[in-house]
Amino acid sequence: MRDALVEVMVTLPAHLKRSLTWDQGSEMGRTTSAPSTPATSSYAVAAGLNARPRKTLDWETTAERLVTLLTAGT
């Protein structure tokens, strides 16, 4: 996992690297051990939330804004 993160990190523009925060909590580590909440359902909820347009992003989804940020200045 670490190696995959490093590979992706080197491709990110500097302004996006500065905005990253790393999860220091144990909540994601527990998702696979809770039978009523498998990890896949956590990811499905996150995907659903990330697909919603946000007023703070001028009604873009987080994915659309990320593409805008990644392609800025190219």
C-alpha atoms as a PDB file:
ATOM      1  CA  MET A   1       0.000   0.000   0.000  1.00  0.00           C
ATOM      2  CA  ARG A   2       2.793   2.416   0.879  1.00  0.00           C
ATOM      3  CA  ASP A   3       4.489   1.930  -2.479  1.00  0.00           C
ATOM      4  CA  ALA A   4       1.226   2.567  -4.336  1.00  0.00           C
ATOM      5  CA  LEU A   5       0.701   5.801  -2.397  1.00  0.00           C
ATOM      6  CA  VAL A   6       4.209   6.976  -3.178  1.00  0.00           C
ATOM      7  CA  GLU A   7       3.661   6.287  -6.903  1.00  0.00           C
ATOM      8  CA  VAL A   8       0.499   8.384  -6.929  1.00  0.00           C
ATOM      9  CA  MET A   9       1.927  11.166  -4.776  1.00  0.00           C
ATOM     10  CA  VAL A  10       4.759  11.946  -7.175  1.00  0.00           C
ATOM     11  CA  THR A  11       2.242  12.612  -9.952  1.00  0.00           C
ATOM     12  CA  LEU A  12       0.197  15.169  -7.990  1.00  0.00           C
ATOM     13  CA  PRO A  13       0.713  18.900  -8.491  1.00  0.00           C
ATOM     14  CA  ALA A  14       2.424  20.631  -5.550  1.00  0.00           C
ATOM     15  CA  HIS A  15      -0.699  22.580  -4.537  1.00  0.00           C
ATOM     16  CA  LEU A  16      -2.619  19.329  -4.101  1.00  0.00           C
ATOM     17  CA  LYS A  17       0.180  17.629  -2.169  1.00  0.00           C
ATOM     18  CA  ARG A  18       0.045  20.446   0.399  1.00  0.00           C
ATOM     19  CA  SER A  19      -3.700  19.935   0.900  1.00  0.00           C
ATOM     20  CA  LEU A  20      -3.531  16.240   1.813  1.00  0.00           C
ATOM     21  CA  THR A  21      -4.258  15.049   5.303  1.00  0.00           C
ATOM     22  CA  TRP A  22      -3.655  11.524   6.499  1.00  0.00           C
ATOM     23  CA  ASP A  23      -6.145   9.562   8.555  1.00  0.00           C
ATOM     24  CA  GLN A  24      -4.589   8.998  11.967  1.00  0.00           C
ATOM     25  CA  GLY A  25      -7.643   7.362  13.489  1.00  0.00           C
ATOM     26  CA  SER A  26      -8.639   3.758  13.874  1.00  0.00           C
ATOM     27  CA  GLU A  27     -12.157   4.050  12.440  1.00  0.00           C
ATOM     28  CA  MET A  28     -11.208   2.709   9.004  1.00  0.00           C
ATOM     29  CA  GLY A  29      -9.239  -0.126  10.551  1.00  0.00           C
ATOM     30  CA  ARG A  30     -12.368  -1.318  12.335  1.00  0.00           C
ATOM     31  CA  THR A  31     -14.598  -1.417   9.232  1.00  0.00           C
ATOM     32  CA  THR A  32     -13.439  -4.861   8.158  1.00  0.00           C
ATOM     33  CA  SER A  33     -14.021  -6.370  11.595  1.00  0.00           C
ATOM     34  CA  ALA A  34     -17.622  -5.200  11.988  1.00  0.00           C
ATOM     35  CA  PRO A  35     -19.865  -7.794  10.325  1.00  0.00           C
ATOM     36  CA  SER A  36     -22.825  -5.429   9.998  1.00  0.00           C
ATOM     37  CA  THR A  37     -20.696  -2.758   8.298  1.00  0.00           C
ATOM     38  CA  PRO A  38     -18.286  -4.307   5.838  1.00  0.00           C
ATOM     39  CA  ALA A  39     -15.597  -2.096   4.327  1.00  0.00           C
ATOM     40  CA  THR A  40     -17.318  -2.148   0.955  1.00  0.00           C
ATOM     41  CA  SER A  41     -20.418  -0.442   2.346  1.00  0.00           C
ATOM     42  CA  SER A  42     -18.225   2.297   3.848  1.00  0.00           C
ATOM     43  CA  TYR A  43     -16.695   2.902   0.450  1.00  0.00           C
ATOM     44  CA  ALA A  44     -20.132   2.859  -1.198  1.00  0.00           C
ATOM     45  CA  VAL A  45     -21.346   5.566   1.194  1.00  0.00           C
ATOM     46  CA  ALA A  46     -18.221   7.636   0.525  1.00  0.00           C
ATOM     47  CA  ALA A  47     -18.666   7.231  -3.230  1.00  0.00           C
ATOM     48  CA  GLY A  48     -22.283   8.346  -2.962  1.00  0.00           C
ATOM     49  CA  LEU A  49     -21.350  11.414  -0.946  1.00  0.00           C
ATOM     50  CA  ASN A  50     -18.521  12.318  -3.301  1.00  0.00           C
ATOM     51  CA  ALA A  51     -20.873  12.126  -6.289  1.00  0.00           C
ATOM     52  CA  ARG A  52     -23.152  14.838  -4.870  1.00  0.00           C
ATOM     53  CA  PRO A  53     -22.758  18.382  -6.226  1.00  0.00           C
ATOM     54  CA  ARG A  54     -21.664  20.830  -3.515  1.00  0.00           C
ATOM     55  CA  LYS A  55     -22.723  24.438  -3.185  1.00  0.00           C
ATOM     56  CA  THR A  56     -19.249  25.279  -1.842  1.00  0.00           C
ATOM     57  CA  LEU A  57     -17.781  23.929  -5.097  1.00  0.00           C
ATOM     58  CA  ASP A  58     -20.142  25.990  -7.298  1.00  0.00           C
ATOM     59  CA  TRP A  59     -22.324  22.895  -7.692  1.00  0.00           C
ATOM     60  CA  GLU A  60     -19.525  20.669  -8.962  1.00  0.00           C
ATOM     61  CA  THR A  61     -18.976  17.222  -7.506  1.00  0.00           C
ATOM     62  CA  THR A  62     -15.738  16.552  -5.675  1.00  0.00           C
ATOM     63  CA  ALA A  63     -14.591  14.419  -8.616  1.00  0.00           C
ATOM     64  CA  GLU A  64     -15.257  17.246 -11.083  1.00  0.00           C
ATOM     65  CA  ARG A  65     -13.369  19.726  -8.923  1.00  0.00           C
ATOM     66  CA  LEU A  66     -10.448  17.333  -8.591  1.00  0.00           C
ATOM     67  CA  VAL A  67     -10.208  17.047 -12.383  1.00  0.00           C
ATOM     68  CA  THR A  68     -10.249  20.849 -12.588  1.00  0.00           C
ATOM     69  CA  LEU A  69      -7.431  21.089 -10.049  1.00  0.00           C
ATOM     70  CA  LEU A  70      -5.373  18.349 -11.670  1.00  0.00           C
ATOM     71  CA  THR A  71      -5.609  19.906 -15.118  1.00  0.00           C
ATOM     72  CA  ALA A  72      -5.088  23.510 -14.022  1.00  0.00           C
ATOM     73  CA  GLY A  73      -2.116  25.042 -15.761  1.00  0.00           C
ATOM     74  CA  THR A  74      -1.687  22.245 -18.307  1.00  0.00           C
END
